[in-house]
Amino acid sequence: MNTNKARADTASKIAAVESYHQRRASGQKVKEIAQSLGITSECLRNWVKQVEDGSINRPAYGELSEEHKIAIKDLLSLGFADTDIAQRLGLHNLKVYYYRKSIGVTREQVVENRYNSWEDLLKKGASFEQVAELYGANPNSMYKTLHQKRGFRKKGSLDQ
């Protein structure tokens, strides 16, 4: 992308937003993404908002089958991230992202679902290692997160 004042075309904006979503999912910061695209963070945020609110038409990635829609909803209810769902189902991650948005499920809801699922599995006797493997997480990070966000304690912990 050019840093000059020329307006970017719709295709360039959509490509930038797709890149943003893919790179944010892997933990890259907005500022780094914008710099690599040759635009400001504010400009990138505006484009993301425009694509999400429909003022910039995003490309159609084809219709999802009913089976995919059901599987996506199930996996979202268990707290799996869009990128994880896409990988498990062999879909483009933005297809999952746009479907999640279209059914009104927020990222925050997915995170809450994840914490609920972790707690449920642990209370049913699964180990942190088993749950972490299922979710592609680090067992220690998982415990710290549940402890900080939910006050969760390991069985037999001295701080119960």
N, C-alpha and C. Protein backbone atom coordinates (compact mmCIF):
# COMPACT_ATOMS: atom_id res chain seq x y z
N MET A 1 0.85 -1.19 0.00
CA MET A 1 0.00 0.00 0.00
C MET A 1 0.89 1.24 0.00
N ASN A 2 0.42 2.25 -0.64
CA ASN A 2 1.15 3.51 -0.66
C ASN A 2 0.76 4.36 0.53
N THR A 3 1.72 5.17 0.99
CA THR A 3 1.41 6.06 2.10
C THR A 3 0.96 7.42 1.60
N ASN A 4 0.86 7.59 0.27
CA ASN A 4 0.42 8.88 -0.26
C ASN A 4 -1.08 9.06 -0.02
N LYS A 5 -1.59 10.21 -0.39
CA LYS A 5 -2.97 10.57 -0.10
C LYS A 5 -3.97 9.93 -1.06
N ALA A 6 -3.50 9.19 -2.05
CA ALA A 6 -4.43 8.56 -2.99
C ALA A 6 -5.32 7.57 -2.24
N ARG A 7 -6.57 7.53 -2.64
CA ARG A 7 -7.51 6.63 -1.97
C ARG A 7 -7.27 5.18 -2.41
N ALA A 8 -7.34 4.29 -1.45
CA ALA A 8 -7.20 2.88 -1.76
C ALA A 8 -8.50 2.37 -2.36
N ASP A 9 -8.39 1.45 -3.31
CA ASP A 9 -9.61 0.89 -3.88
C ASP A 9 -10.20 -0.15 -2.92
N THR A 10 -11.41 -0.52 -3.18
CA THR A 10 -12.15 -1.44 -2.31
C THR A 10 -11.40 -2.76 -2.14
N ALA A 11 -10.88 -3.30 -3.22
CA ALA A 11 -10.18 -4.58 -3.15
C ALA A 11 -8.96 -4.49 -2.23
N SER A 12 -8.25 -3.38 -2.28
CA SER A 12 -7.08 -3.20 -1.40
C SER A 12 -7.50 -3.12 0.06
N LYS A 13 -8.60 -2.43 0.31
CA LYS A 13 -9.10 -2.32 1.69
C LYS A 13 -9.51 -3.69 2.22
N ILE A 14 -10.23 -4.44 1.41
CA ILE A 14 -10.68 -5.77 1.83
C ILE A 14 -9.48 -6.68 2.08
N ALA A 15 -8.49 -6.61 1.19
CA ALA A 15 -7.29 -7.43 1.37
C ALA A 15 -6.57 -7.04 2.66
N ALA A 16 -6.52 -5.75 2.96
CA ALA A 16 -5.88 -5.29 4.19
C ALA A 16 -6.63 -5.79 5.42
N VAL A 17 -7.95 -5.76 5.37
CA VAL A 17 -8.77 -6.23 6.49
C VAL A 17 -8.61 -7.74 6.67
N GLU A 18 -8.56 -8.49 5.58
CA GLU A 18 -8.33 -9.93 5.67
C GLU A 18 -6.97 -10.21 6.32
N SER A 19 -5.97 -9.48 5.88
CA SER A 19 -4.63 -9.63 6.46
C SER A 19 -4.65 -9.29 7.95
N TYR A 20 -5.37 -8.23 8.29
CA TYR A 20 -5.52 -7.82 9.69
C TYR A 20 -6.07 -8.96 10.53
N HIS A 21 -7.17 -9.57 10.09
CA HIS A 21 -7.81 -10.64 10.87
C HIS A 21 -6.88 -11.85 11.02
N GLN A 22 -6.22 -12.22 9.95
CA GLN A 22 -5.32 -13.37 10.01
C GLN A 22 -4.15 -13.10 10.96
N ARG A 23 -3.59 -11.92 10.88
CA ARG A 23 -2.41 -11.60 11.68
C ARG A 23 -2.77 -11.31 13.14
N ARG A 24 -3.95 -10.73 13.39
CA ARG A 24 -4.40 -10.50 14.77
C ARG A 24 -4.64 -11.84 15.47
N ALA A 25 -5.16 -12.81 14.71
CA ALA A 25 -5.42 -14.14 15.28
C ALA A 25 -4.14 -14.79 15.76
N SER A 26 -3.02 -14.42 15.14
CA SER A 26 -1.74 -14.98 15.57
C SER A 26 -1.03 -14.08 16.57
N GLY A 27 -1.72 -13.02 17.02
CA GLY A 27 -1.19 -12.19 18.10
C GLY A 27 -0.43 -10.94 17.69
N GLN A 28 -0.38 -10.64 16.41
CA GLN A 28 0.35 -9.46 15.97
C GLN A 28 -0.41 -8.19 16.35
N LYS A 29 0.31 -7.14 16.69
CA LYS A 29 -0.31 -5.88 17.11
C LYS A 29 -0.80 -5.08 15.90
N VAL A 30 -1.86 -4.30 16.13
CA VAL A 30 -2.47 -3.50 15.07
C VAL A 30 -1.43 -2.57 14.44
N LYS A 31 -0.65 -1.92 15.28
CA LYS A 31 0.35 -0.97 14.78
C LYS A 31 1.34 -1.64 13.83
N GLU A 32 1.77 -2.85 14.19
CA GLU A 32 2.72 -3.58 13.34
C GLU A 32 2.08 -3.96 12.01
N ILE A 33 0.83 -4.39 12.07
CA ILE A 33 0.13 -4.78 10.84
C ILE A 33 -0.03 -3.56 9.93
N ALA A 34 -0.49 -2.45 10.51
CA ALA A 34 -0.69 -1.23 9.72
C ALA A 34 0.62 -0.77 9.09
N GLN A 35 1.69 -0.77 9.88
CA GLN A 35 2.99 -0.35 9.34
C GLN A 35 3.41 -1.23 8.17
N SER A 36 3.20 -2.54 8.30
CA SER A 36 3.60 -3.44 7.22
C SER A 36 2.76 -3.21 5.95
N LEU A 37 1.54 -2.69 6.14
CA LEU A 37 0.67 -2.40 5.00
C LEU A 37 0.89 -0.99 4.45
N GLY A 38 1.70 -0.20 5.16
CA GLY A 38 1.98 1.16 4.71
C GLY A 38 0.87 2.14 5.00
N ILE A 39 0.08 1.86 6.04
CA ILE A 39 -1.00 2.76 6.43
C ILE A 39 -0.93 2.99 7.94
N THR A 40 -1.72 3.93 8.41
CA THR A 40 -1.73 4.21 9.85
C THR A 40 -2.65 3.22 10.57
N SER A 41 -2.46 3.08 11.86
CA SER A 41 -3.32 2.21 12.67
C SER A 41 -4.77 2.69 12.60
N GLU A 42 -4.95 4.01 12.64
CA GLU A 42 -6.30 4.58 12.58
C GLU A 42 -6.98 4.24 11.26
N CYS A 43 -6.24 4.33 10.19
CA CYS A 43 -6.78 4.01 8.87
C CYS A 43 -7.21 2.54 8.82
N LEU A 44 -6.34 1.64 9.32
CA LEU A 44 -6.67 0.22 9.32
C LEU A 44 -7.90 -0.06 10.17
N ARG A 45 -7.98 0.56 11.34
CA ARG A 45 -9.16 0.37 12.20
C ARG A 45 -10.44 0.84 11.49
N ASN A 46 -10.34 1.96 10.78
CA ASN A 46 -11.50 2.46 10.03
C ASN A 46 -11.94 1.48 8.96
N TRP A 47 -10.99 0.91 8.24
CA TRP A 47 -11.32 -0.05 7.19
C TRP A 47 -11.97 -1.30 7.80
N VAL A 48 -11.45 -1.76 8.94
CA VAL A 48 -12.03 -2.92 9.61
C VAL A 48 -13.48 -2.63 9.98
N LYS A 49 -13.72 -1.45 10.56
CA LYS A 49 -15.09 -1.06 10.92
C LYS A 49 -15.99 -1.01 9.69
N GLN A 50 -15.47 -0.44 8.60
CA GLN A 50 -16.26 -0.31 7.38
C GLN A 50 -16.63 -1.68 6.80
N VAL A 51 -15.71 -2.62 6.83
CA VAL A 51 -16.01 -3.95 6.32
C VAL A 51 -17.02 -4.63 7.23
N GLU A 52 -16.83 -4.48 8.55
CA GLU A 52 -17.72 -5.15 9.50
C GLU A 52 -19.13 -4.57 9.49
N ASP A 53 -19.26 -3.28 9.26
CA ASP A 53 -20.61 -2.70 9.24
C ASP A 53 -21.25 -2.74 7.85
N GLY A 54 -20.50 -3.26 6.87
CA GLY A 54 -21.07 -3.46 5.54
C GLY A 54 -20.94 -2.28 4.59
N SER A 55 -20.32 -1.17 5.03
CA SER A 55 -20.17 -0.04 4.12
C SER A 55 -19.09 -0.32 3.06
N ILE A 56 -18.24 -1.29 3.30
CA ILE A 56 -17.37 -1.84 2.26
C ILE A 56 -17.80 -3.29 2.10
N ASN A 57 -18.18 -3.66 0.91
CA ASN A 57 -18.64 -5.03 0.69
C ASN A 57 -17.47 -5.99 0.75
N ARG A 58 -17.61 -6.98 1.59
CA ARG A 58 -16.57 -8.01 1.68
C ARG A 58 -16.87 -9.08 0.64
N PRO A 59 -15.84 -9.81 0.25
CA PRO A 59 -16.05 -10.83 -0.76
C PRO A 59 -16.86 -12.00 -0.20
N ALA A 60 -17.61 -12.59 -1.06
CA ALA A 60 -18.35 -13.79 -0.65
C ALA A 60 -17.40 -14.97 -0.72
N TYR A 61 -17.37 -15.76 0.32
CA TYR A 61 -16.52 -16.95 0.33
C TYR A 61 -17.34 -18.18 0.05
N GLY A 62 -18.49 -18.00 -0.53
CA GLY A 62 -19.36 -19.12 -0.81
C GLY A 62 -20.26 -19.40 0.38
N GLU A 63 -21.30 -20.10 0.11
CA GLU A 63 -22.25 -20.44 1.16
C GLU A 63 -21.71 -21.58 2.01
N LEU A 64 -22.01 -21.52 3.28
CA LEU A 64 -21.67 -22.62 4.18
C LEU A 64 -22.78 -23.66 4.12
N SER A 65 -22.39 -24.91 4.18
CA SER A 65 -23.40 -25.97 4.24
C SER A 65 -24.06 -25.92 5.62
N GLU A 66 -25.23 -26.53 5.72
CA GLU A 66 -25.91 -26.60 7.02
C GLU A 66 -25.05 -27.33 8.03
N GLU A 67 -24.33 -28.37 7.58
CA GLU A 67 -23.45 -29.12 8.48
C GLU A 67 -22.35 -28.22 9.03
N HIS A 68 -21.78 -27.38 8.17
CA HIS A 68 -20.75 -26.44 8.62
C HIS A 68 -21.32 -25.44 9.61
N LYS A 69 -22.50 -24.92 9.32
CA LYS A 69 -23.12 -23.95 10.23
C LYS A 69 -23.36 -24.56 11.61
N ILE A 70 -23.86 -25.78 11.64
CA ILE A 70 -24.10 -26.47 12.92
C ILE A 70 -22.79 -26.70 13.65
N ALA A 71 -21.77 -27.17 12.92
CA ALA A 71 -20.47 -27.44 13.54
C ALA A 71 -19.85 -26.16 14.07
N ILE A 72 -19.95 -25.07 13.31
CA ILE A 72 -19.39 -23.79 13.76
C ILE A 72 -20.08 -23.34 15.04
N LYS A 73 -21.41 -23.40 15.07
CA LYS A 73 -22.15 -23.00 16.27
C LYS A 73 -21.75 -23.86 17.47
N ASP A 74 -21.63 -25.17 17.26
CA ASP A 74 -21.23 -26.07 18.34
C ASP A 74 -19.84 -25.71 18.87
N LEU A 75 -18.91 -25.51 17.96
CA LEU A 75 -17.54 -25.19 18.37
C LEU A 75 -17.44 -23.82 19.02
N LEU A 76 -18.22 -22.85 18.55
CA LEU A 76 -18.26 -21.54 19.20
C LEU A 76 -18.81 -21.67 20.61
N SER A 77 -19.81 -22.52 20.79
CA SER A 77 -20.41 -22.69 22.12
C SER A 77 -19.42 -23.34 23.09
N LEU A 78 -18.43 -24.04 22.55
CA LEU A 78 -17.37 -24.64 23.38
C LEU A 78 -16.18 -23.70 23.56
N GLY A 79 -16.23 -22.55 22.89
CA GLY A 79 -15.20 -21.54 23.07
C GLY A 79 -14.02 -21.64 22.14
N PHE A 80 -14.16 -22.33 21.03
CA PHE A 80 -13.06 -22.40 20.07
C PHE A 80 -13.00 -21.13 19.24
N ALA A 81 -11.81 -20.65 18.96
CA ALA A 81 -11.59 -19.44 18.17
C ALA A 81 -11.89 -19.70 16.70
N ASP A 82 -12.20 -18.64 15.97
CA ASP A 82 -12.51 -18.74 14.55
C ASP A 82 -11.43 -19.51 13.79
N THR A 83 -10.17 -19.18 14.05
CA THR A 83 -9.08 -19.82 13.32
C THR A 83 -9.00 -21.31 13.63
N ASP A 84 -9.24 -21.69 14.88
CA ASP A 84 -9.25 -23.11 15.25
C ASP A 84 -10.39 -23.84 14.55
N ILE A 85 -11.55 -23.21 14.54
CA ILE A 85 -12.72 -23.82 13.89
C ILE A 85 -12.45 -24.01 12.40
N ALA A 86 -11.93 -22.97 11.77
CA ALA A 86 -11.65 -23.05 10.33
C ALA A 86 -10.68 -24.19 10.03
N GLN A 87 -9.65 -24.31 10.84
CA GLN A 87 -8.66 -25.36 10.64
C GLN A 87 -9.30 -26.74 10.82
N ARG A 88 -10.12 -26.90 11.85
CA ARG A 88 -10.77 -28.20 12.11
C ARG A 88 -11.73 -28.59 11.00
N LEU A 89 -12.40 -27.59 10.41
CA LEU A 89 -13.43 -27.87 9.40
C LEU A 89 -12.92 -27.71 7.97
N GLY A 90 -11.67 -27.30 7.81
CA GLY A 90 -11.11 -27.12 6.47
C GLY A 90 -11.71 -25.94 5.73
N LEU A 91 -12.02 -24.86 6.47
CA LEU A 91 -12.61 -23.66 5.88
C LEU A 91 -11.64 -22.49 5.95
N HIS A 92 -11.91 -21.47 5.17
CA HIS A 92 -11.15 -20.22 5.28
C HIS A 92 -11.55 -19.56 6.59
N ASN A 93 -10.56 -19.06 7.35
CA ASN A 93 -10.88 -18.50 8.67
C ASN A 93 -11.84 -17.31 8.59
N LEU A 94 -11.79 -16.54 7.52
CA LEU A 94 -12.70 -15.40 7.41
C LEU A 94 -14.14 -15.85 7.16
N LYS A 95 -14.31 -17.01 6.55
CA LYS A 95 -15.66 -17.55 6.36
C LYS A 95 -16.29 -17.80 7.73
N VAL A 96 -15.50 -18.37 8.65
CA VAL A 96 -15.98 -18.63 10.00
C VAL A 96 -16.23 -17.30 10.72
N TYR A 97 -15.28 -16.37 10.59
CA TYR A 97 -15.40 -15.06 11.24
C TYR A 97 -16.69 -14.35 10.81
N TYR A 98 -16.92 -14.28 9.49
CA TYR A 98 -18.10 -13.57 9.00
C TYR A 98 -19.39 -14.29 9.40
N TYR A 99 -19.37 -15.60 9.43
CA TYR A 99 -20.56 -16.33 9.87
C TYR A 99 -20.83 -16.06 11.35
N ARG A 100 -19.77 -16.10 12.17
CA ARG A 100 -19.94 -15.81 13.60
C ARG A 100 -20.55 -14.42 13.78
N LYS A 101 -20.03 -13.45 13.05
CA LYS A 101 -20.56 -12.08 13.15
C LYS A 101 -22.02 -12.04 12.70
N SER A 102 -22.35 -12.78 11.65
CA SER A 102 -23.72 -12.74 11.11
C SER A 102 -24.74 -13.34 12.07
N ILE A 103 -24.30 -14.25 12.96
CA ILE A 103 -25.23 -14.84 13.92
C ILE A 103 -25.16 -14.12 15.27
N GLY A 104 -24.39 -13.04 15.31
CA GLY A 104 -24.37 -12.18 16.49
C GLY A 104 -23.56 -12.68 17.68
N VAL A 105 -22.60 -13.56 17.42
CA VAL A 105 -21.76 -14.06 18.50
C VAL A 105 -20.50 -13.20 18.56
N THR A 106 -20.25 -12.58 19.72
CA THR A 106 -19.08 -11.72 19.87
C THR A 106 -17.86 -12.53 20.30
N ARG A 107 -16.71 -11.95 20.10
CA ARG A 107 -15.45 -12.57 20.53
C ARG A 107 -15.48 -12.78 22.04
N GLU A 108 -16.04 -11.82 22.76
CA GLU A 108 -16.11 -11.91 24.22
C GLU A 108 -16.97 -13.09 24.65
N GLN A 109 -18.05 -13.35 23.93
CA GLN A 109 -18.90 -14.50 24.24
C GLN A 109 -18.15 -15.81 24.02
N VAL A 110 -17.37 -15.86 22.95
CA VAL A 110 -16.58 -17.06 22.66
C VAL A 110 -15.58 -17.31 23.79
N VAL A 111 -14.92 -16.25 24.25
CA VAL A 111 -13.96 -16.39 25.34
C VAL A 111 -14.64 -16.89 26.61
N GLU A 112 -15.80 -16.33 26.93
CA GLU A 112 -16.55 -16.81 28.10
C GLU A 112 -16.94 -18.27 27.95
N ASN A 113 -17.37 -18.65 26.74
CA ASN A 113 -17.71 -20.05 26.47
C ASN A 113 -16.49 -20.94 26.69
N ARG A 114 -15.33 -20.46 26.27
CA ARG A 114 -14.09 -21.23 26.44
C ARG A 114 -13.81 -21.47 27.92
N TYR A 115 -13.89 -20.41 28.73
CA TYR A 115 -13.64 -20.56 30.17
C TYR A 115 -14.65 -21.51 30.80
N ASN A 116 -15.93 -21.38 30.40
CA ASN A 116 -16.96 -22.28 30.92
C ASN A 116 -16.66 -23.73 30.55
N SER A 117 -16.25 -23.96 29.31
CA SER A 117 -15.94 -25.31 28.86
C SER A 117 -14.75 -25.87 29.60
N TRP A 118 -13.72 -25.06 29.78
CA TRP A 118 -12.54 -25.52 30.52
C TRP A 118 -12.94 -25.95 31.93
N GLU A 119 -13.71 -25.09 32.60
CA GLU A 119 -14.14 -25.41 33.96
C GLU A 119 -14.98 -26.69 34.00
N ASP A 120 -15.91 -26.82 33.08
CA ASP A 120 -16.76 -28.02 33.04
C ASP A 120 -15.93 -29.28 32.86
N LEU A 121 -15.01 -29.25 31.92
CA LEU A 121 -14.17 -30.42 31.66
C LEU A 121 -13.31 -30.76 32.88
N LEU A 122 -12.75 -29.75 33.51
CA LEU A 122 -11.91 -29.98 34.69
C LEU A 122 -12.74 -30.54 35.85
N LYS A 123 -13.94 -30.01 36.03
CA LYS A 123 -14.80 -30.50 37.12
C LYS A 123 -15.26 -31.93 36.87
N LYS A 124 -15.30 -32.34 35.60
CA LYS A 124 -15.68 -33.71 35.26
C LYS A 124 -14.50 -34.68 35.32
N GLY A 125 -13.34 -34.16 35.72
CA GLY A 125 -12.19 -35.05 35.92
C GLY A 125 -11.10 -35.00 34.88
N ALA A 126 -11.24 -34.19 33.85
CA ALA A 126 -10.16 -34.07 32.86
C ALA A 126 -8.99 -33.32 33.50
N SER A 127 -7.80 -33.64 33.08
CA SER A 127 -6.61 -32.95 33.60
C SER A 127 -6.40 -31.65 32.81
N PHE A 128 -5.62 -30.75 33.40
CA PHE A 128 -5.28 -29.51 32.70
C PHE A 128 -4.57 -29.83 31.39
N GLU A 129 -3.73 -30.85 31.41
CA GLU A 129 -2.98 -31.23 30.21
C GLU A 129 -3.92 -31.71 29.10
N GLN A 130 -4.94 -32.48 29.47
CA GLN A 130 -5.91 -32.97 28.48
C GLN A 130 -6.71 -31.82 27.86
N VAL A 131 -7.18 -30.93 28.71
CA VAL A 131 -7.97 -29.80 28.22
C VAL A 131 -7.10 -28.88 27.38
N ALA A 132 -5.89 -28.64 27.85
CA ALA A 132 -4.97 -27.77 27.11
C ALA A 132 -4.67 -28.34 25.73
N GLU A 133 -4.48 -29.65 25.65
CA GLU A 133 -4.21 -30.28 24.36
C GLU A 133 -5.41 -30.12 23.42
N LEU A 134 -6.60 -30.30 23.95
CA LEU A 134 -7.82 -30.16 23.16
C LEU A 134 -7.95 -28.75 22.57
N TYR A 135 -7.57 -27.74 23.36
CA TYR A 135 -7.72 -26.34 22.95
C TYR A 135 -6.44 -25.73 22.39
N GLY A 136 -5.38 -26.50 22.33
CA GLY A 136 -4.11 -25.96 21.83
C GLY A 136 -3.56 -24.88 22.73
N ALA A 137 -3.72 -25.09 24.04
CA ALA A 137 -3.29 -24.09 25.04
C ALA A 137 -2.17 -24.67 25.92
N ASN A 138 -1.55 -23.79 26.66
CA ASN A 138 -0.54 -24.18 27.63
C ASN A 138 -1.26 -24.44 28.96
N PRO A 139 -1.05 -25.61 29.58
CA PRO A 139 -1.76 -25.92 30.82
C PRO A 139 -1.54 -24.89 31.93
N ASN A 140 -0.32 -24.39 32.07
CA ASN A 140 -0.05 -23.40 33.11
C ASN A 140 -0.76 -22.08 32.82
N SER A 141 -0.75 -21.66 31.57
CA SER A 141 -1.45 -20.43 31.20
C SER A 141 -2.95 -20.59 31.40
N MET A 142 -3.45 -21.77 31.09
CA MET A 142 -4.86 -22.05 31.28
C MET A 142 -5.24 -21.92 32.76
N TYR A 143 -4.43 -22.53 33.63
CA TYR A 143 -4.72 -22.45 35.06
C TYR A 143 -4.66 -21.00 35.55
N LYS A 144 -3.61 -20.27 35.14
CA LYS A 144 -3.48 -18.87 35.57
C LYS A 144 -4.68 -18.05 35.11
N THR A 145 -5.12 -18.28 33.88
CA THR A 145 -6.26 -17.54 33.35
C THR A 145 -7.52 -17.84 34.15
N LEU A 146 -7.79 -19.13 34.38
CA LEU A 146 -8.99 -19.50 35.15
C LEU A 146 -8.90 -18.99 36.59
N HIS A 147 -7.72 -19.04 37.15
CA HIS A 147 -7.54 -18.56 38.52
C HIS A 147 -7.79 -17.05 38.60
N GLN A 148 -7.22 -16.29 37.65
CA GLN A 148 -7.38 -14.84 37.66
C GLN A 148 -8.80 -14.40 37.31
N LYS A 149 -9.39 -15.03 36.30
CA LYS A 149 -10.70 -14.59 35.80
C LYS A 149 -11.87 -15.16 36.60
N ARG A 150 -11.68 -16.35 37.16
CA ARG A 150 -12.78 -17.05 37.79
C ARG A 150 -12.52 -17.49 39.23
N GLY A 151 -11.29 -17.26 39.72
CA GLY A 151 -10.95 -17.71 41.07
C GLY A 151 -10.86 -19.22 41.16
N PHE A 152 -10.62 -19.87 40.04
CA PHE A 152 -10.56 -21.33 39.99
C PHE A 152 -9.34 -21.83 40.75
N ARG A 153 -9.50 -22.94 41.49
CA ARG A 153 -8.40 -23.56 42.25
C ARG A 153 -8.28 -25.01 41.84
N LYS A 154 -7.06 -25.49 41.75
CA LYS A 154 -6.82 -26.91 41.48
C LYS A 154 -7.23 -27.71 42.70
N LYS A 155 -7.72 -28.92 42.45
CA LYS A 155 -8.06 -29.83 43.55
C LYS A 155 -6.81 -30.10 44.37
N GLY A 156 -6.97 -30.05 45.69
CA GLY A 156 -5.84 -30.32 46.56
C GLY A 156 -4.89 -29.16 46.73
N SER A 157 -5.25 -28.01 46.14
CA SER A 157 -4.39 -26.83 46.23
C SER A 157 -4.41 -26.30 47.66
N LEU A 158 -3.27 -25.84 48.15
CA LEU A 158 -3.17 -25.30 49.50
C LEU A 158 -3.94 -24.00 49.67
N ASP A 159 -4.19 -23.29 48.58
CA ASP A 159 -4.86 -22.00 48.69
C ASP A 159 -6.36 -22.09 48.54
N GLN A 160 -6.94 -23.25 48.77
CA GLN A 160 -8.41 -23.40 48.67
C GLN A 160 -9.10 -22.76 49.83
